[in-house]
């Protein structure tokens, strides 16, 4: 029994060291591992701000020169203008009038240490105080830049409506 326990312990140590070496090599060989980890944290912050109704936090994820492109309405506007439109939704969420959430899944993720182009679907859901639920699946592309050490969205292209089947076809990371 002691030998089995020692073998498992040794296997655990080898696995840990191997994964540690792999992540160090990934950063050193120019792979995207470090960037993807940072971008996952960025999208988690976007989700948090929507869920908590943190308008200022959400605004901080946007580049000051950011642009929102809408495929549905065939428009392009500064993100600052879109933020003014969305502010009430954040305030309603903050007050508890509405519960909001956004989740992201990706089909392509390109970039380097200071730029990123992400393609996927986001699921924006709401539940109002009357119990009415809404879920929107949206195909999107995002262009991000690292500005003073922080990722910020420079362009959000909400291409078209998506479906539950398309959402489920993307692997949740």
C-alpha atoms as a PDB file:
ATOM      1  CA  UNK A   1       0.000   0.000   0.000  1.00  0.00           C
ATOM      2  CA  UNK A   2       2.849   2.382   0.855  1.00  0.00           C
ATOM      3  CA  UNK A   3       4.434   1.777  -2.559  1.00  0.00           C
ATOM      4  CA  UNK A   4       1.150   2.644  -4.320  1.00  0.00           C
ATOM      5  CA  UNK A   5       0.872   5.861  -2.275  1.00  0.00           C
ATOM      6  CA  UNK A   6       4.473   6.779  -3.092  1.00  0.00           C
ATOM      7  CA  UNK A   7       3.899   6.015  -6.774  1.00  0.00           C
ATOM      8  CA  UNK A   8       0.863   8.307  -6.800  1.00  0.00           C
ATOM      9  CA  UNK A   9       2.806  11.024  -4.988  1.00  0.00           C
ATOM     10  CA  UNK A  10       5.679  10.707  -7.476  1.00  0.00           C
ATOM     11  CA  UNK A  11       3.244  10.767 -10.376  1.00  0.00           C
ATOM     12  CA  UNK A  12       1.642  13.925  -8.948  1.00  0.00           C
ATOM     13  CA  UNK A  13       5.013  15.656  -8.598  1.00  0.00           C
ATOM     14  CA  UNK A  14       6.032  14.667 -12.136  1.00  0.00           C
ATOM     15  CA  UNK A  15       2.696  15.926 -13.518  1.00  0.00           C
ATOM     16  CA  UNK A  16       3.021  19.231 -11.646  1.00  0.00           C
ATOM     17  CA  UNK A  17       6.614  19.803 -12.782  1.00  0.00           C
ATOM     18  CA  UNK A  18       5.703  18.855 -16.332  1.00  0.00           C
ATOM     19  CA  UNK A  19       2.805  21.303 -16.428  1.00  0.00           C
ATOM     20  CA  UNK A  20       4.962  24.017 -14.863  1.00  0.00           C
ATOM     21  CA  UNK A  21       7.715  23.431 -17.411  1.00  0.00           C
ATOM     22  CA  UNK A  22       5.120  23.391 -20.184  1.00  0.00           C
ATOM     23  CA  UNK A  23       3.710  26.763 -19.187  1.00  0.00           C
ATOM     24  CA  UNK A  24       7.210  28.280 -18.902  1.00  0.00           C
ATOM     25  CA  UNK A  25       8.127  26.860 -22.315  1.00  0.00           C
ATOM     26  CA  UNK A  26       4.854  28.142 -23.755  1.00  0.00           C
ATOM     27  CA  UNK A  27       5.691  31.679 -22.688  1.00  0.00           C
ATOM     28  CA  UNK A  28       9.278  31.371 -23.872  1.00  0.00           C
ATOM     29  CA  UNK A  29       8.473  29.901 -27.268  1.00  0.00           C
ATOM     30  CA  UNK A  30       6.178  32.786 -28.188  1.00  0.00           C
ATOM     31  CA  UNK A  31       2.963  30.793 -27.873  1.00  0.00           C
ATOM     32  CA  UNK A  32      -0.336  32.382 -27.000  1.00  0.00           C
ATOM     33  CA  UNK A  33      -0.747  30.759 -23.583  1.00  0.00           C
ATOM     34  CA  UNK A  34       0.053  33.841 -21.512  1.00  0.00           C
ATOM     35  CA  UNK A  35      -2.082  36.119 -23.701  1.00  0.00           C
ATOM     36  CA  UNK A  36      -5.045  33.729 -23.555  1.00  0.00           C
ATOM     37  CA  UNK A  37      -4.840  33.596 -19.742  1.00  0.00           C
ATOM     38  CA  UNK A  38      -4.832  37.406 -19.636  1.00  0.00           C
ATOM     39  CA  UNK A  39      -7.739  37.645 -22.073  1.00  0.00           C
ATOM     40  CA  UNK A  40      -9.740  35.061 -20.148  1.00  0.00           C
ATOM     41  CA  UNK A  41      -9.291  37.322 -17.109  1.00  0.00           C
ATOM     42  CA  UNK A  42     -10.415  40.302 -19.210  1.00  0.00           C
ATOM     43  CA  UNK A  43     -13.627  38.548 -20.322  1.00  0.00           C
ATOM     44  CA  UNK A  44     -14.262  37.388 -16.749  1.00  0.00           C
ATOM     45  CA  UNK A  45     -14.040  41.034 -15.663  1.00  0.00           C
ATOM     46  CA  UNK A  46     -16.489  42.054 -18.393  1.00  0.00           C
ATOM     47  CA  UNK A  47     -18.881  39.355 -17.150  1.00  0.00           C
ATOM     48  CA  UNK A  48     -18.469  40.491 -13.543  1.00  0.00           C
ATOM     49  CA  UNK A  49     -19.253  44.118 -14.370  1.00  0.00           C
ATOM     50  CA  UNK A  50     -22.410  43.157 -16.273  1.00  0.00           C
ATOM     51  CA  UNK A  51     -23.545  40.752 -13.530  1.00  0.00           C
ATOM     52  CA  UNK A  52     -22.959  43.349 -10.774  1.00  0.00           C
ATOM     53  CA  UNK A  53     -24.161  46.383 -12.720  1.00  0.00           C
ATOM     54  CA  UNK A  54     -20.737  48.002 -12.391  1.00  0.00           C
ATOM     55  CA  UNK A  55     -20.945  50.631 -15.114  1.00  0.00           C
ATOM     56  CA  UNK A  56     -17.626  52.315 -14.284  1.00  0.00           C
ATOM     57  CA  UNK A  57     -15.895  48.928 -14.211  1.00  0.00           C
ATOM     58  CA  UNK A  58     -17.359  48.028 -17.602  1.00  0.00           C
ATOM     59  CA  UNK A  59     -16.381  51.403 -19.027  1.00  0.00           C
ATOM     60  CA  UNK A  60     -12.811  50.763 -17.830  1.00  0.00           C
ATOM     61  CA  UNK A  61     -12.652  47.667 -20.085  1.00  0.00           C
ATOM     62  CA  UNK A  62     -13.245  49.860 -23.142  1.00  0.00           C
ATOM     63  CA  UNK A  63     -10.615  51.852 -25.007  1.00  0.00           C
ATOM     64  CA  UNK A  64     -11.416  55.572 -25.122  1.00  0.00           C
ATOM     65  CA  UNK A  65     -11.367  55.421 -28.949  1.00  0.00           C
ATOM     66  CA  UNK A  66     -13.430  52.223 -29.059  1.00  0.00           C
ATOM     67  CA  UNK A  67     -16.046  51.531 -31.715  1.00  0.00           C
ATOM     68  CA  UNK A  68     -19.214  49.414 -31.653  1.00  0.00           C
ATOM     69  CA  UNK A  69     -20.249  47.910 -34.994  1.00  0.00           C
ATOM     70  CA  UNK A  70     -23.723  46.402 -35.325  1.00  0.00           C
ATOM     71  CA  UNK A  71     -24.405  44.003 -38.167  1.00  0.00           C
ATOM     72  CA  UNK A  72     -28.118  43.928 -37.336  1.00  0.00           C
ATOM     73  CA  UNK A  73     -28.609  47.681 -37.646  1.00  0.00           C
ATOM     74  CA  UNK A  74     -25.720  48.204 -40.066  1.00  0.00           C
ATOM     75  CA  UNK A  75     -24.274  50.979 -37.928  1.00  0.00           C
ATOM     76  CA  UNK A  76     -20.977  51.967 -36.424  1.00  0.00           C
ATOM     77  CA  UNK A  77     -20.801  54.264 -33.387  1.00  0.00           C
ATOM     78  CA  UNK A  78     -18.200  55.242 -30.819  1.00  0.00           C
ATOM     79  CA  UNK A  79     -18.333  52.948 -27.796  1.00  0.00           C
ATOM     80  CA  UNK A  80     -18.705  56.080 -25.665  1.00  0.00           C
ATOM     81  CA  UNK A  81     -22.076  56.687 -27.352  1.00  0.00           C
ATOM     82  CA  UNK A  82     -23.150  53.058 -26.860  1.00  0.00           C
ATOM     83  CA  UNK A  83     -22.106  53.252 -23.204  1.00  0.00           C
ATOM     84  CA  UNK A  84     -24.483  56.177 -22.671  1.00  0.00           C
ATOM     85  CA  UNK A  85     -27.297  54.014 -24.108  1.00  0.00           C
ATOM     86  CA  UNK A  86     -26.357  51.007 -21.950  1.00  0.00           C
ATOM     87  CA  UNK A  87     -25.864  52.901 -18.680  1.00  0.00           C
ATOM     88  CA  UNK A  88     -29.495  52.497 -17.557  1.00  0.00           C
ATOM     89  CA  UNK A  89     -29.228  48.700 -17.965  1.00  0.00           C
ATOM     90  CA  UNK A  90     -26.241  48.735 -15.597  1.00  0.00           C
ATOM     91  CA  UNK A  91     -28.107  50.943 -13.116  1.00  0.00           C
ATOM     92  CA  UNK A  92     -31.145  48.621 -13.232  1.00  0.00           C
ATOM     93  CA  UNK A  93     -28.884  45.644 -12.575  1.00  0.00           C
ATOM     94  CA  UNK A  94     -27.062  47.428  -9.740  1.00  0.00           C
ATOM     95  CA  UNK A  95     -30.387  48.295  -8.072  1.00  0.00           C
ATOM     96  CA  UNK A  96     -31.668  44.714  -8.339  1.00  0.00           C
ATOM     97  CA  UNK A  97     -34.476  45.627 -10.725  1.00  0.00           C
ATOM     98  CA  UNK A  98     -32.906  43.302 -13.298  1.00  0.00           C
ATOM     99  CA  UNK A  99     -30.461  40.408 -13.104  1.00  0.00           C
ATOM    100  CA  UNK A 100     -28.012  40.462 -16.005  1.00  0.00           C
ATOM    101  CA  UNK A 101     -25.237  38.162 -17.138  1.00  0.00           C
ATOM    102  CA  UNK A 102     -22.956  37.716 -20.113  1.00  0.00           C
ATOM    103  CA  UNK A 103     -20.858  34.683 -21.029  1.00  0.00           C
ATOM    104  CA  UNK A 104     -18.392  34.219 -23.858  1.00  0.00           C
ATOM    105  CA  UNK A 105     -17.297  31.296 -26.018  1.00  0.00           C
ATOM    106  CA  UNK A 106     -14.679  31.568 -28.729  1.00  0.00           C
ATOM    107  CA  UNK A 107     -14.082  30.011 -32.131  1.00  0.00           C
ATOM    108  CA  UNK A 108     -10.868  31.911 -32.977  1.00  0.00           C
ATOM    109  CA  UNK A 109      -8.335  33.797 -30.890  1.00  0.00           C
ATOM    110  CA  UNK A 110      -5.440  35.536 -32.657  1.00  0.00           C
ATOM    111  CA  UNK A 111      -2.920  38.050 -31.459  1.00  0.00           C
ATOM    112  CA  UNK A 112       0.402  38.825 -29.896  1.00  0.00           C
ATOM    113  CA  UNK A 113       1.515  40.352 -26.610  1.00  0.00           C
ATOM    114  CA  UNK A 114      -0.286  43.683 -27.229  1.00  0.00           C
ATOM    115  CA  UNK A 115      -3.091  42.942 -29.718  1.00  0.00           C
ATOM    116  CA  UNK A 116      -5.879  40.400 -29.914  1.00  0.00           C
ATOM    117  CA  UNK A 117      -8.660  39.535 -32.336  1.00  0.00           C
ATOM    118  CA  UNK A 118     -11.292  37.285 -30.768  1.00  0.00           C
ATOM    119  CA  UNK A 119     -14.233  35.687 -32.567  1.00  0.00           C
ATOM    120  CA  UNK A 120     -17.105  33.825 -30.964  1.00  0.00           C
ATOM    121  CA  UNK A 121     -20.566  34.075 -29.479  1.00  0.00           C
ATOM    122  CA  UNK A 122     -21.700  35.827 -26.350  1.00  0.00           C
ATOM    123  CA  UNK A 123     -24.813  34.977 -24.395  1.00  0.00           C
ATOM    124  CA  UNK A 124     -26.459  37.983 -22.777  1.00  0.00           C
ATOM    125  CA  UNK A 125     -29.258  37.081 -20.397  1.00  0.00           C
ATOM    126  CA  UNK A 126     -31.573  39.092 -18.226  1.00  0.00           C
ATOM    127  CA  UNK A 127     -34.295  38.399 -15.684  1.00  0.00           C
ATOM    128  CA  UNK A 128     -36.480  41.334 -14.696  1.00  0.00           C
ATOM    129  CA  UNK A 129     -38.311  41.830 -11.409  1.00  0.00           C
ATOM    130  CA  UNK A 130     -41.528  40.508 -13.008  1.00  0.00           C
ATOM    131  CA  UNK A 131     -39.845  37.193 -13.831  1.00  0.00           C
ATOM    132  CA  UNK A 132     -39.469  37.790 -17.570  1.00  0.00           C
ATOM    133  CA  UNK A 133     -36.327  36.111 -18.932  1.00  0.00           C
ATOM    134  CA  UNK A 134     -34.434  37.043 -22.059  1.00  0.00           C
ATOM    135  CA  UNK A 135     -31.477  35.322 -23.708  1.00  0.00           C
ATOM    136  CA  UNK A 136     -29.615  36.672 -26.701  1.00  0.00           C
ATOM    137  CA  UNK A 137     -26.897  34.744 -28.526  1.00  0.00           C
ATOM    138  CA  UNK A 138     -24.756  37.117 -30.571  1.00  0.00           C
ATOM    139  CA  UNK A 139     -21.956  36.315 -33.010  1.00  0.00           C
ATOM    140  CA  UNK A 140     -19.207  38.810 -32.331  1.00  0.00           C
ATOM    141  CA  UNK A 141     -15.660  39.811 -33.105  1.00  0.00           C
ATOM    142  CA  UNK A 142     -13.547  41.875 -30.761  1.00  0.00           C
ATOM    143  CA  UNK A 143     -10.340  43.734 -31.432  1.00  0.00           C
ATOM    144  CA  UNK A 144      -8.414  44.427 -28.248  1.00  0.00           C
ATOM    145  CA  UNK A 145      -5.206  46.261 -27.435  1.00  0.00           C
ATOM    146  CA  UNK A 146      -3.075  46.213 -24.337  1.00  0.00           C
ATOM    147  CA  UNK A 147      -3.056  49.796 -23.075  1.00  0.00           C
ATOM    148  CA  UNK A 148      -0.764  50.618 -20.136  1.00  0.00           C
ATOM    149  CA  UNK A 149      -0.640  46.947 -19.188  1.00  0.00           C
ATOM    150  CA  UNK A 150      -4.425  46.369 -19.369  1.00  0.00           C
ATOM    151  CA  UNK A 151      -6.480  44.835 -22.142  1.00  0.00           C
ATOM    152  CA  UNK A 152      -9.148  47.131 -23.577  1.00  0.00           C
ATOM    153  CA  UNK A 153     -11.651  46.578 -26.336  1.00  0.00           C
ATOM    154  CA  UNK A 154     -10.999  48.800 -29.331  1.00  0.00           C
ATOM    155  CA  UNK A 155     -13.707  47.396 -31.608  1.00  0.00           C
ATOM    156  CA  UNK A 156     -16.723  45.235 -30.825  1.00  0.00           C
ATOM    157  CA  UNK A 157     -18.480  43.918 -33.895  1.00  0.00           C
ATOM    158  CA  UNK A 158     -21.840  42.386 -33.026  1.00  0.00           C
ATOM    159  CA  UNK A 159     -22.245  40.552 -36.327  1.00  0.00           C
ATOM    160  CA  UNK A 160     -25.553  38.701 -36.115  1.00  0.00           C
ATOM    161  CA  UNK A 161     -27.899  36.766 -33.906  1.00  0.00           C
ATOM    162  CA  UNK A 162     -26.780  33.305 -32.913  1.00  0.00           C
ATOM    163  CA  UNK A 163     -28.593  30.235 -31.664  1.00  0.00           C
ATOM    164  CA  UNK A 164     -28.420  27.836 -28.747  1.00  0.00           C
ATOM    165  CA  UNK A 165     -27.122  25.127 -31.114  1.00  0.00           C
ATOM    166  CA  UNK A 166     -24.289  27.389 -32.316  1.00  0.00           C
ATOM    167  CA  UNK A 167     -23.487  28.301 -28.698  1.00  0.00           C
ATOM    168  CA  UNK A 168     -23.365  24.647 -27.664  1.00  0.00           C
ATOM    169  CA  UNK A 169     -21.130  23.815 -30.653  1.00  0.00           C
ATOM    170  CA  UNK A 170     -18.405  26.050 -29.201  1.00  0.00           C
ATOM    171  CA  UNK A 171     -16.336  24.534 -26.439  1.00  0.00           C
ATOM    172  CA  UNK A 172     -16.642  26.365 -23.139  1.00  0.00           C
ATOM    173  CA  UNK A 173     -13.114  27.199 -22.032  1.00  0.00           C
END
